[in-house]
C-alpha atoms as a PDB file:
ATOM      1  CA  MET A   1      -3.525  34.853 -16.659  1.00  0.00           C
ATOM      2  CA  THR A   2      -1.155  34.558 -14.173  1.00  0.00           C
ATOM      3  CA  GLN A   3      -1.057  32.552 -10.604  1.00  0.00           C
ATOM      4  CA  THR A   4       0.774  32.038  -7.493  1.00  0.00           C
ATOM      5  CA  VAL A   5       1.682  28.518  -6.217  1.00  0.00           C
ATOM      6  CA  GLU A   6       2.871  28.501  -2.488  1.00  0.00           C
ATOM      7  CA  LEU A   7       3.825  24.861  -0.846  1.00  0.00           C
ATOM      8  CA  ALA A   8       3.226  23.865   2.424  1.00  0.00           C
ATOM      9  CA  PHE A   9       6.426  21.277   2.240  1.00  0.00           C
ATOM     10  CA  ASN A  10      10.079  21.540   1.566  1.00  0.00           C
ATOM     11  CA  TYR A  11      10.809  21.464  -1.990  1.00  0.00           C
ATOM     12  CA  ARG A  12      14.378  21.768  -3.997  1.00  0.00           C
ATOM     13  CA  MET A  13      13.261  24.199  -7.162  1.00  0.00           C
ATOM     14  CA  GLU A  14      16.764  24.288  -8.121  1.00  0.00           C
ATOM     15  CA  ASP A  15      17.517  20.986  -8.143  1.00  0.00           C
ATOM     16  CA  VAL A  16      14.333  20.779 -10.421  1.00  0.00           C
ATOM     17  CA  LEU A  17      15.887  23.332 -12.619  1.00  0.00           C
ATOM     18  CA  LYS A  18      19.157  21.675 -13.060  1.00  0.00           C
ATOM     19  CA  ARG A  19      17.702  18.629 -13.831  1.00  0.00           C
ATOM     20  CA  LEU A  20      15.732  20.152 -16.272  1.00  0.00           C
ATOM     21  CA  ALA A  21      18.953  21.710 -17.969  1.00  0.00           C
ATOM     22  CA  PHE A  22      20.416  18.783 -18.636  1.00  0.00           C
ATOM     23  CA  ASP A  23      17.712  18.534 -21.263  1.00  0.00           C
ATOM     24  CA  PRO A  24      19.085  21.080 -24.454  1.00  0.00           C
ATOM     25  CA  LEU A  25      15.678  21.580 -25.640  1.00  0.00           C
ATOM     26  CA  ASN A  26      14.454  22.537 -22.008  1.00  0.00           C
ATOM     27  CA  SER A  27      14.462  26.266 -21.322  1.00  0.00           C
ATOM     28  CA  VAL A  28      15.627  26.651 -18.337  1.00  0.00           C
ATOM     29  CA  ASP A  29      17.405  29.760 -16.700  1.00  0.00           C
ATOM     30  CA  ILE A  30      18.965  28.787 -13.813  1.00  0.00           C
ATOM     31  CA  ALA A  31      19.831  32.292 -12.527  1.00  0.00           C
ATOM     32  CA  ASN A  32      16.244  33.816 -12.917  1.00  0.00           C
ATOM     33  CA  GLN A  33      14.921  30.443 -11.633  1.00  0.00           C
ATOM     34  CA  THR A  34      12.360  30.560 -14.285  1.00  0.00           C
ATOM     35  CA  VAL A  35      11.571  27.120 -16.950  1.00  0.00           C
ATOM     36  CA  LYS A  36       9.805  27.925 -19.599  1.00  0.00           C
ATOM     37  CA  ILE A  37       6.774  25.096 -20.571  1.00  0.00           C
ATOM     38  CA  PRO A  38       5.232  24.456 -24.028  1.00  0.00           C
ATOM     39  CA  MET A  39       1.303  23.224 -23.939  1.00  0.00           C
ATOM     40  CA  GLU A  40      -0.014  22.740 -27.007  1.00  0.00           C
ATOM     41  CA  GLU A  41       0.245  26.346 -28.475  1.00  0.00           C
ATOM     42  CA  TYR A  42       1.451  28.458 -25.569  1.00  0.00           C
ATOM     43  CA  ILE A  43       4.321  28.804 -23.587  1.00  0.00           C
ATOM     44  CA  ILE A  44       3.955  29.140 -19.745  1.00  0.00           C
ATOM     45  CA  THR A  45       6.628  30.287 -17.381  1.00  0.00           C
ATOM     46  CA  VAL A  46       7.427  29.116 -14.207  1.00  0.00           C
ATOM     47  CA  GLN A  47       9.444  31.300 -11.732  1.00  0.00           C
ATOM     48  CA  SER A  48      10.761  30.258  -8.296  1.00  0.00           C
ATOM     49  CA  ILE A  49      10.558  33.228  -6.014  1.00  0.00           C
ATOM     50  CA  GLY A  50      10.740  31.486  -2.774  1.00  0.00           C
ATOM     51  CA  SER A  51      13.115  29.103  -1.040  1.00  0.00           C
ATOM     52  CA  PHE A  52      13.770  25.621  -0.099  1.00  0.00           C
ATOM     53  CA  HIS A  53      11.627  25.561   3.439  1.00  0.00           C
ATOM     54  CA  GLU A  54       9.455  28.442   2.086  1.00  0.00           C
ATOM     55  CA  PRO A  55       8.546  27.817  -1.773  1.00  0.00           C
ATOM     56  CA  LYS A  56       6.477  30.004  -3.831  1.00  0.00           C
ATOM     57  CA  PHE A  57       6.434  30.098  -7.723  1.00  0.00           C
ATOM     58  CA  ILE A  58       4.436  32.807  -9.777  1.00  0.00           C
ATOM     59  CA  VAL A  59       3.053  30.808 -13.142  1.00  0.00           C
ATOM     60  CA  THR A  60       2.531  33.172 -16.236  1.00  0.00           C
ATOM     61  CA  GLY A  61       1.051  33.010 -19.728  1.00  0.00           C
ATOM     62  CA  LEU A  62      -1.526  30.762 -18.396  1.00  0.00           C
ATOM     63  CA  GLU A  63      -4.888  30.268 -20.595  1.00  0.00           C
ATOM     64  CA  THR A  64      -7.130  27.760 -19.110  1.00  0.00           C
ATOM     65  CA  LYS A  65      -7.744  26.528 -15.605  1.00  0.00           C
ATOM     66  CA  GLU A  66      -6.631  23.275 -17.044  1.00  0.00           C
ATOM     67  CA  GLN A  67      -2.778  23.981 -18.120  1.00  0.00           C
ATOM     68  CA  PHE A  68      -2.830  25.384 -14.427  1.00  0.00           C
ATOM     69  CA  GLU A  69      -3.925  22.047 -13.407  1.00  0.00           C
ATOM     70  CA  ARG A  70      -1.413  20.144 -15.461  1.00  0.00           C
ATOM     71  CA  VAL A  71       1.619  22.961 -14.458  1.00  0.00           C
ATOM     72  CA  GLN A  72       0.979  21.470 -11.157  1.00  0.00           C
ATOM     73  CA  SER A  73       1.030  18.271 -12.006  1.00  0.00           C
ATOM     74  CA  ILE A  74       4.041  18.616 -13.562  1.00  0.00           C
ATOM     75  CA  PHE A  75       6.086  19.669 -10.961  1.00  0.00           C
ATOM     76  CA  HIS A  76       4.644  17.871  -8.130  1.00  0.00           C
ATOM     77  CA  PHE A  77       3.098  20.912  -6.353  1.00  0.00           C
ATOM     78  CA  ASN A  78      -0.628  19.325  -6.370  1.00  0.00           C
ATOM     79  CA  ARG A  79       1.075  16.437  -3.994  1.00  0.00           C
ATOM     80  CA  SER A  80       2.759  17.136  -0.337  1.00  0.00           C
ATOM     81  CA  LEU A  81       5.996  15.365  -0.552  1.00  0.00           C
ATOM     82  CA  GLU A  82       6.110  15.505   3.220  1.00  0.00           C
ATOM     83  CA  PRO A  83       4.464  12.105   3.527  1.00  0.00           C
ATOM     84  CA  ILE A  84       7.043  10.451   1.455  1.00  0.00           C
ATOM     85  CA  GLN A  85       9.704  11.829   3.363  1.00  0.00           C
ATOM     86  CA  LYS A  86       8.275  10.672   6.798  1.00  0.00           C
ATOM     87  CA  HIS A  87       7.948   7.231   5.271  1.00  0.00           C
ATOM     88  CA  PHE A  88      11.203   6.809   3.811  1.00  0.00           C
ATOM     89  CA  LEU A  89      12.811   8.012   7.457  1.00  0.00           C
ATOM     90  CA  ASN A  90      11.616   4.923   9.082  1.00  0.00           C
ATOM     91  CA  THR A  91      13.249   2.737   6.020  1.00  0.00           C
ATOM     92  CA  ASN A  92      17.051   1.643   4.978  1.00  0.00           C
ATOM     93  CA  LEU A  93      17.005   4.535   2.439  1.00  0.00           C
ATOM     94  CA  HIS A  94      16.649   7.438   5.254  1.00  0.00           C
ATOM     95  CA  SER A  95      19.862   8.556   4.509  1.00  0.00           C
ATOM     96  CA  LEU A  96      19.122   9.441   1.029  1.00  0.00           C
ATOM     97  CA  PHE A  97      16.102  11.102   1.812  1.00  0.00           C
ATOM     98  CA  LEU A  98      17.566  12.931   4.688  1.00  0.00           C
ATOM     99  CA  ARG A  99      20.233  14.290   2.292  1.00  0.00           C
ATOM    100  CA  PHE A 100      17.791  14.876  -1.060  1.00  0.00           C
ATOM    101  CA  GLU A 101      14.749  16.225   1.088  1.00  0.00           C
ATOM    102  CA  GLY A 102      12.569  17.834  -1.327  1.00  0.00           C
ATOM    103  CA  THR A 103      13.521  15.998  -4.237  1.00  0.00           C
ATOM    104  CA  PRO A 104       9.918  15.700  -6.712  1.00  0.00           C
ATOM    105  CA  ILE A 105       9.419  13.625  -9.437  1.00  0.00           C
ATOM    106  CA  ILE A 106       9.103  15.994 -12.572  1.00  0.00           C
ATOM    107  CA  THR A 107       6.996  14.263 -15.329  1.00  0.00           C
ATOM    108  CA  ASP A 108       7.877  15.200 -19.094  1.00  0.00           C
ATOM    109  CA  PHE A 109       5.908  18.086 -20.550  1.00  0.00           C
ATOM    110  CA  SER A 110       3.955  16.092 -23.258  1.00  0.00           C
ATOM    111  CA  LEU A 111       3.054  12.254 -23.069  1.00  0.00           C
ATOM    112  CA  TYR A 112       3.814  12.188 -26.654  1.00  0.00           C
ATOM    113  CA  ALA A 113       7.337  13.785 -26.280  1.00  0.00           C
ATOM    114  CA  ASN A 114       8.042  11.044 -23.307  1.00  0.00           C
ATOM    115  CA  ILE A 115       7.457   8.036 -25.873  1.00  0.00           C
ATOM    116  CA  ILE A 116       9.333   9.221 -28.578  1.00  0.00           C
ATOM    117  CA  LYS A 117      12.096  10.809 -26.379  1.00  0.00           C
ATOM    118  CA  SER A 118      12.553   7.062 -24.520  1.00  0.00           C
ATOM    119  CA  ILE A 119      12.504   5.385 -27.972  1.00  0.00           C
ATOM    120  CA  ILE A 120      15.214   7.614 -29.306  1.00  0.00           C
ATOM    121  CA  HIS A 121      17.336   7.038 -26.011  1.00  0.00           C
ATOM    122  CA  GLN A 122      16.831   3.090 -26.483  1.00  0.00           C
ATOM    123  CA  GLN A 123      20.326   1.572 -26.406  1.00  0.00           C
ATOM    124  CA  LEU A 124      22.183   4.790 -27.118  1.00  0.00           C
ATOM    125  CA  ASN A 125      24.833   6.430 -24.973  1.00  0.00           C
ATOM    126  CA  LEU A 126      23.285  10.013 -23.554  1.00  0.00           C
ATOM    127  CA  SER A 127      25.238  12.306 -25.396  1.00  0.00           C
ATOM    128  CA  PHE A 128      24.385  10.517 -28.743  1.00  0.00           C
ATOM    129  CA  ALA A 129      20.829  10.237 -27.793  1.00  0.00           C
ATOM    130  CA  ARG A 130      20.807  13.940 -27.038  1.00  0.00           C
ATOM    131  CA  THR A 131      21.963  15.177 -30.694  1.00  0.00           C
ATOM    132  CA  LEU A 132      19.538  12.519 -31.881  1.00  0.00           C
ATOM    133  CA  THR A 133      16.575  14.065 -30.184  1.00  0.00           C
ATOM    134  CA  GLU A 134      17.561  17.416 -31.055  1.00  0.00           C
ATOM    135  CA  ARG A 135      17.946  17.075 -34.335  1.00  0.00           C
ATOM    136  CA  PHE A 136      14.340  15.445 -34.758  1.00  0.00           C
ATOM    137  CA  VAL A 137      12.843  18.350 -32.835  1.00  0.00           C
ATOM    138  CA  HIS A 138      14.560  21.167 -34.609  1.00  0.00           C
ATOM    139  CA  THR A 139      13.847  19.370 -38.034  1.00  0.00           C
ATOM    140  CA  PHE A 140      10.189  18.236 -37.467  1.00  0.00           C
ATOM    141  CA  GLY A 141       9.106  20.464 -34.592  1.00  0.00           C
ATOM    142  CA  LYS A 142       8.821  24.363 -34.286  1.00  0.00           C
ATOM    143  CA  CYS A 143      10.259  27.042 -32.109  1.00  0.00           C
ATOM    144  CA  LYS A 144       8.263  29.448 -30.190  1.00  0.00           C
ATOM    145  CA  GLU A 145       9.561  32.204 -27.814  1.00  0.00           C
ATOM    146  CA  VAL A 146      12.850  30.413 -27.749  1.00  0.00           C
ATOM    147  CA  VAL A 147      11.229  27.018 -26.550  1.00  0.00           C
ATOM    148  CA  TRP A 148      11.416  24.179 -28.961  1.00  0.00           C
ATOM    149  CA  LEU A 149       7.946  22.003 -29.545  1.00  0.00           C
ATOM    150  CA  TYR A 150       7.645  18.577 -30.082  1.00  0.00           C
ATOM    151  CA  PRO A 151       5.923  17.806 -33.653  1.00  0.00           C
ATOM    152  CA  SER A 152       2.575  16.429 -33.727  1.00  0.00           C
ATOM    153  CA  PRO A 153       2.119  12.573 -34.224  1.00  0.00           C
ATOM    154  CA  GLU A 154       0.230  13.519 -37.136  1.00  0.00           C
ATOM    155  CA  THR A 155       3.570  15.103 -38.548  1.00  0.00           C
ATOM    156  CA  ILE A 156       5.750  12.401 -37.738  1.00  0.00           C
ATOM    157  CA  ALA A 157       3.186   9.608 -39.256  1.00  0.00           C
ATOM    158  CA  SER A 158       3.264  11.240 -42.735  1.00  0.00           C
ATOM    159  CA  ILE A 159       7.246  11.296 -43.225  1.00  0.00           C
ATOM    160  CA  ASN A 160       9.035   8.314 -44.963  1.00  0.00           C
ATOM    161  CA  VAL A 161      11.508   6.084 -42.769  1.00  0.00           C
ATOM    162  CA  ASP A 162      14.061   6.893 -44.832  1.00  0.00           C
ATOM    163  CA  THR A 163      14.004  10.561 -43.882  1.00  0.00           C
ATOM    164  CA  LEU A 164      14.913   9.729 -40.242  1.00  0.00           C
ATOM    165  CA  ARG A 165      17.312   7.292 -41.445  1.00  0.00           C
ATOM    166  CA  HIS A 166      18.986   9.927 -42.990  1.00  0.00           C
ATOM    167  CA  MET A 167      19.257  11.738 -39.928  1.00  0.00           C
ATOM    168  CA  GLN A 168      21.322   8.765 -38.221  1.00  0.00           C
ATOM    169  CA  PHE A 169      18.232   7.101 -36.895  1.00  0.00           C
ATOM    170  CA  SER A 170      18.736   2.881 -37.492  1.00  0.00           C
ATOM    171  CA  THR A 171      16.038   1.270 -39.856  1.00  0.00           C
ATOM    172  CA  ARG A 172      14.157  -0.337 -37.243  1.00  0.00           C
ATOM    173  CA  LYS A 173      14.031   2.861 -34.369  1.00  0.00           C
ATOM    174  CA  ALA A 174      12.848   5.017 -37.594  1.00  0.00           C
ATOM    175  CA  GLU A 175       9.960   2.282 -38.013  1.00  0.00           C
ATOM    176  CA  TYR A 176       9.177   2.319 -34.544  1.00  0.00           C
ATOM    177  CA  ILE A 177       9.064   6.127 -34.522  1.00  0.00           C
ATOM    178  CA  VAL A 178       6.692   6.423 -37.473  1.00  0.00           C
ATOM    179  CA  GLY A 179       4.593   3.615 -36.367  1.00  0.00           C
ATOM    180  CA  ILE A 180       3.957   4.668 -33.134  1.00  0.00           C
ATOM    181  CA  SER A 181       3.054   8.268 -34.450  1.00  0.00           C
ATOM    182  CA  LYS A 182       0.672   6.532 -36.716  1.00  0.00           C
ATOM    183  CA  ALA A 183      -1.024   4.783 -34.022  1.00  0.00           C
ATOM    184  CA  ILE A 184      -1.182   7.951 -31.908  1.00  0.00           C
ATOM    185  CA  ALA A 185      -2.408  10.100 -34.965  1.00  0.00           C
ATOM    186  CA  GLU A 186      -4.847   7.460 -36.468  1.00  0.00           C
ATOM    187  CA  SER A 187      -6.661   7.181 -32.518  1.00  0.00           C
ATOM    188  CA  GLN A 188      -5.516   3.361 -32.304  1.00  0.00           C
ATOM    189  CA  LEU A 189      -3.307   4.591 -29.564  1.00  0.00           C
ATOM    190  CA  ASN A 190      -4.619   7.424 -27.185  1.00  0.00           C
ATOM    191  CA  LEU A 191      -2.007   8.032 -24.336  1.00  0.00           C
ATOM    192  CA  GLU A 192      -4.386  10.834 -22.915  1.00  0.00           C
ATOM    193  CA  ALA A 193      -7.194   7.721 -22.068  1.00  0.00           C
ATOM    194  CA  LEU A 194      -4.509   5.270 -21.071  1.00  0.00           C
ATOM    195  CA  SER A 195      -3.184   7.496 -18.664  1.00  0.00           C
ATOM    196  CA  THR A 196      -6.661   6.995 -16.224  1.00  0.00           C
ATOM    197  CA  GLN A 197      -5.809   3.211 -16.520  1.00  0.00           C
ATOM    198  CA  GLU A 198      -3.978   1.216 -13.979  1.00  0.00           C
ATOM    199  CA  ASP A 199       0.251   0.817 -13.947  1.00  0.00           C
ATOM    200  CA  ASP A 200      -0.057  -2.644 -14.898  1.00  0.00           C
ATOM    201  CA  PHE A 201      -3.293  -2.322 -17.866  1.00  0.00           C
ATOM    202  CA  ILE A 202      -1.009   0.533 -19.074  1.00  0.00           C
ATOM    203  CA  ILE A 203       2.408  -1.356 -19.408  1.00  0.00           C
ATOM    204  CA  SER A 204       0.525  -4.518 -21.370  1.00  0.00           C
ATOM    205  CA  GLU A 205      -1.247  -2.036 -23.639  1.00  0.00           C
ATOM    206  CA  LEU A 206       2.124   0.088 -24.555  1.00  0.00           C
ATOM    207  CA  ILE A 207       4.130  -3.410 -25.219  1.00  0.00           C
ATOM    208  CA  LYS A 208       1.774  -4.177 -27.618  1.00  0.00           C
ATOM    209  CA  TYR A 209       3.503  -1.719 -30.179  1.00  0.00           C
ATOM    210  CA  ARG A 210       6.544  -2.355 -31.743  1.00  0.00           C
ATOM    211  CA  GLY A 211       9.567  -0.376 -30.093  1.00  0.00           C
ATOM    212  CA  ILE A 212       7.945  -0.037 -26.473  1.00  0.00           C
ATOM    213  CA  GLY A 213       9.430  -2.820 -24.170  1.00  0.00           C
ATOM    214  CA  PRO A 214       8.998  -2.893 -20.449  1.00  0.00           C
ATOM    215  CA  TRP A 215      11.635  -0.208 -20.273  1.00  0.00           C
ATOM    216  CA  THR A 216       9.987   2.308 -22.400  1.00  0.00           C
ATOM    217  CA  ALA A 217       6.630   1.335 -20.598  1.00  0.00           C
ATOM    218  CA  GLU A 218       8.175   2.026 -17.203  1.00  0.00           C
ATOM    219  CA  SER A 219       9.498   4.809 -18.226  1.00  0.00           C
ATOM    220  CA  PHE A 220       6.437   6.387 -19.715  1.00  0.00           C
ATOM    221  CA  LEU A 221       4.370   5.406 -16.429  1.00  0.00           C
ATOM    222  CA  LEU A 222       7.053   7.030 -14.022  1.00  0.00           C
ATOM    223  CA  PHE A 223       8.134  10.261 -16.084  1.00  0.00           C
ATOM    224  CA  GLY A 224       5.381  10.728 -18.428  1.00  0.00           C
ATOM    225  CA  LEU A 225       2.636   9.919 -15.683  1.00  0.00           C
ATOM    226  CA  GLY A 226       4.372  10.336 -12.421  1.00  0.00           C
ATOM    227  CA  ARG A 227       3.230   7.394 -10.823  1.00  0.00           C
ATOM    228  CA  ALA A 228       4.218   6.930  -7.547  1.00  0.00           C
ATOM    229  CA  ASN A 229       4.810   3.078  -6.880  1.00  0.00           C
ATOM    230  CA  LEU A 230       7.395   2.014  -9.891  1.00  0.00           C
ATOM    231  CA  PHE A 231      10.541   0.681  -9.447  1.00  0.00           C
ATOM    232  CA  PRO A 232      12.533  -0.782 -12.567  1.00  0.00           C
ATOM    233  CA  LEU A 233      14.312  -3.796 -11.169  1.00  0.00           C
ATOM    234  CA  ALA A 234      16.560  -3.939 -14.434  1.00  0.00           C
ATOM    235  CA  ASP A 235      17.684  -0.317 -14.186  1.00  0.00           C
ATOM    236  CA  ILE A 236      21.836  -0.114 -14.141  1.00  0.00           C
ATOM    237  CA  GLY A 237      21.843   2.867 -12.428  1.00  0.00           C
ATOM    238  CA  LEU A 238      19.662   1.820  -9.614  1.00  0.00           C
ATOM    239  CA  GLN A 239      21.718  -1.137  -9.050  1.00  0.00           C
ATOM    240  CA  ASN A 240      24.816   0.489  -8.869  1.00  0.00           C
ATOM    241  CA  SER A 241      23.687   3.290  -6.807  1.00  0.00           C
ATOM    242  CA  LEU A 242      22.637   0.048  -4.141  1.00  0.00           C
ATOM    243  CA  LYS A 243      25.624  -1.576  -4.338  1.00  0.00           C
ATOM    244  CA  ILE A 244      27.246   2.041  -3.195  1.00  0.00           C
ATOM    245  CA  LEU A 245      24.993   2.018  -0.590  1.00  0.00           C
ATOM    246  CA  TRP A 246      25.121  -1.169   0.882  1.00  0.00           C
ATOM    247  CA  HIS A 247      28.616  -1.327   0.357  1.00  0.00           C
ATOM    248  CA  LEU A 248      28.686  -4.346  -1.614  1.00  0.00           C
ATOM    249  CA  ASP A 249      31.310  -5.483  -4.222  1.00  0.00           C
ATOM    250  CA  ARG A 250      29.246  -6.209  -7.061  1.00  0.00           C
ATOM    251  CA  LYS A 251      25.949  -5.108  -8.222  1.00  0.00           C
ATOM    252  CA  PRO A 252      22.907  -6.741  -6.458  1.00  0.00           C
ATOM    253  CA  MET A 253      20.849  -9.174  -8.099  1.00  0.00           C
ATOM    254  CA  LYS A 254      16.822  -8.288  -8.940  1.00  0.00           C
ATOM    255  CA  SER A 255      16.193 -11.177  -6.229  1.00  0.00           C
ATOM    256  CA  GLU A 256      17.927  -9.172  -3.550  1.00  0.00           C
ATOM    257  CA  ILE A 257      16.367  -5.985  -4.411  1.00  0.00           C
ATOM    258  CA  THR A 258      12.850  -7.096  -4.591  1.00  0.00           C
ATOM    259  CA  PRO A 259      12.216  -8.158  -0.467  1.00  0.00           C
ATOM    260  CA  HIS A 260      12.979  -4.070   0.018  1.00  0.00           C
ATOM    261  CA  LEU A 261      10.009  -3.054  -2.386  1.00  0.00           C
ATOM    262  CA  ALA A 262       7.488  -3.664   0.276  1.00  0.00           C
ATOM    263  CA  SER A 263       8.672  -1.676   3.021  1.00  0.00           C
ATOM    264  CA  TRP A 264       9.247   1.650   0.408  1.00  0.00           C
ATOM    265  CA  SER A 265       5.757   0.495  -1.240  1.00  0.00           C
ATOM    266  CA  PRO A 266       3.600   2.496  -1.815  1.00  0.00           C
ATOM    267  CA  TYR A 267       6.223   5.265  -2.996  1.00  0.00           C
ATOM    268  CA  ASN A 268       8.720   2.821  -4.995  1.00  0.00           C
ATOM    269  CA  SER A 269       9.070   5.603  -7.296  1.00  0.00           C
ATOM    270  CA  TYR A 270      10.418   7.830  -5.077  1.00  0.00           C
ATOM    271  CA  ALA A 271      12.987   5.551  -3.931  1.00  0.00           C
ATOM    272  CA  ALA A 272      14.244   5.074  -7.472  1.00  0.00           C
ATOM    273  CA  LEU A 273      14.293   8.909  -8.123  1.00  0.00           C
ATOM    274  CA  TYR A 274      16.466   9.222  -5.020  1.00  0.00           C
ATOM    275  CA  LEU A 275      18.580   6.188  -5.694  1.00  0.00           C
ATOM    276  CA  TRP A 276      19.463   7.952  -9.048  1.00  0.00           C
ATOM    277  CA  LYS A 277      20.369  11.358  -7.453  1.00  0.00           C
ATOM    278  CA  ASN A 278      23.033   9.619  -5.284  1.00  0.00           C
ATOM    279  CA  ILE A 279      24.818   8.505  -8.594  1.00  0.00           C
ATOM    280  CA  GLU A 280      24.679  12.022 -10.481  1.00  0.00           C
END
């Protein structure tokens, strides 16, 4: 099944593809404006055939209506960016929203992949984190139509911690990954069901599991679920971006950032996204 999507708001697909291409596990063809998405056992292709002011896309490889809805959610096709743009033009972040207008929040293709990737990336430099993530997926996942699929929780639940240690995972991180995979495989942790709950409840449930702290839980909300009103105050990148924007000689303290959140609400996640873009 093939579907065509036309958006009634400005959309920066070129930047979306560049961001997705940063992850070597994503199958992105910038020249042809396409990205392939693993969805269960299917590979779905999204191709941009429009422009910034007249965004248009062809989505191929679909088998179900639910898959199409999922694609629209991942790429922010189903939620206009126009109200967000108008909101921020009346805030102290207006210059960023003029500069990066049309930049959507893109979510990870899999909730399980989001959790595992976040755990792997904890306290590692980006280069080595990506190397470990590739090693993990290439070892336990599978490749279909040049697209790498993350392994299932059941697959990882069955491996020994030492197997990951021999791949340069720390003992603790290996235990986290296997433990959380077991919780999901044994239905103790249902990410799909959890995704219907409020932000605070999701965080409170996730941090019960070893390896998931506030940073990983917030990453799940923002890049797993695409929640609109989240601002990770402890994020060093956001602090550095605000330092530049506000012309400070040091990073702002949380107490200095917090008063601004009310004026950015209910779109604090977009404030965070545009501030990250400001330092790319």
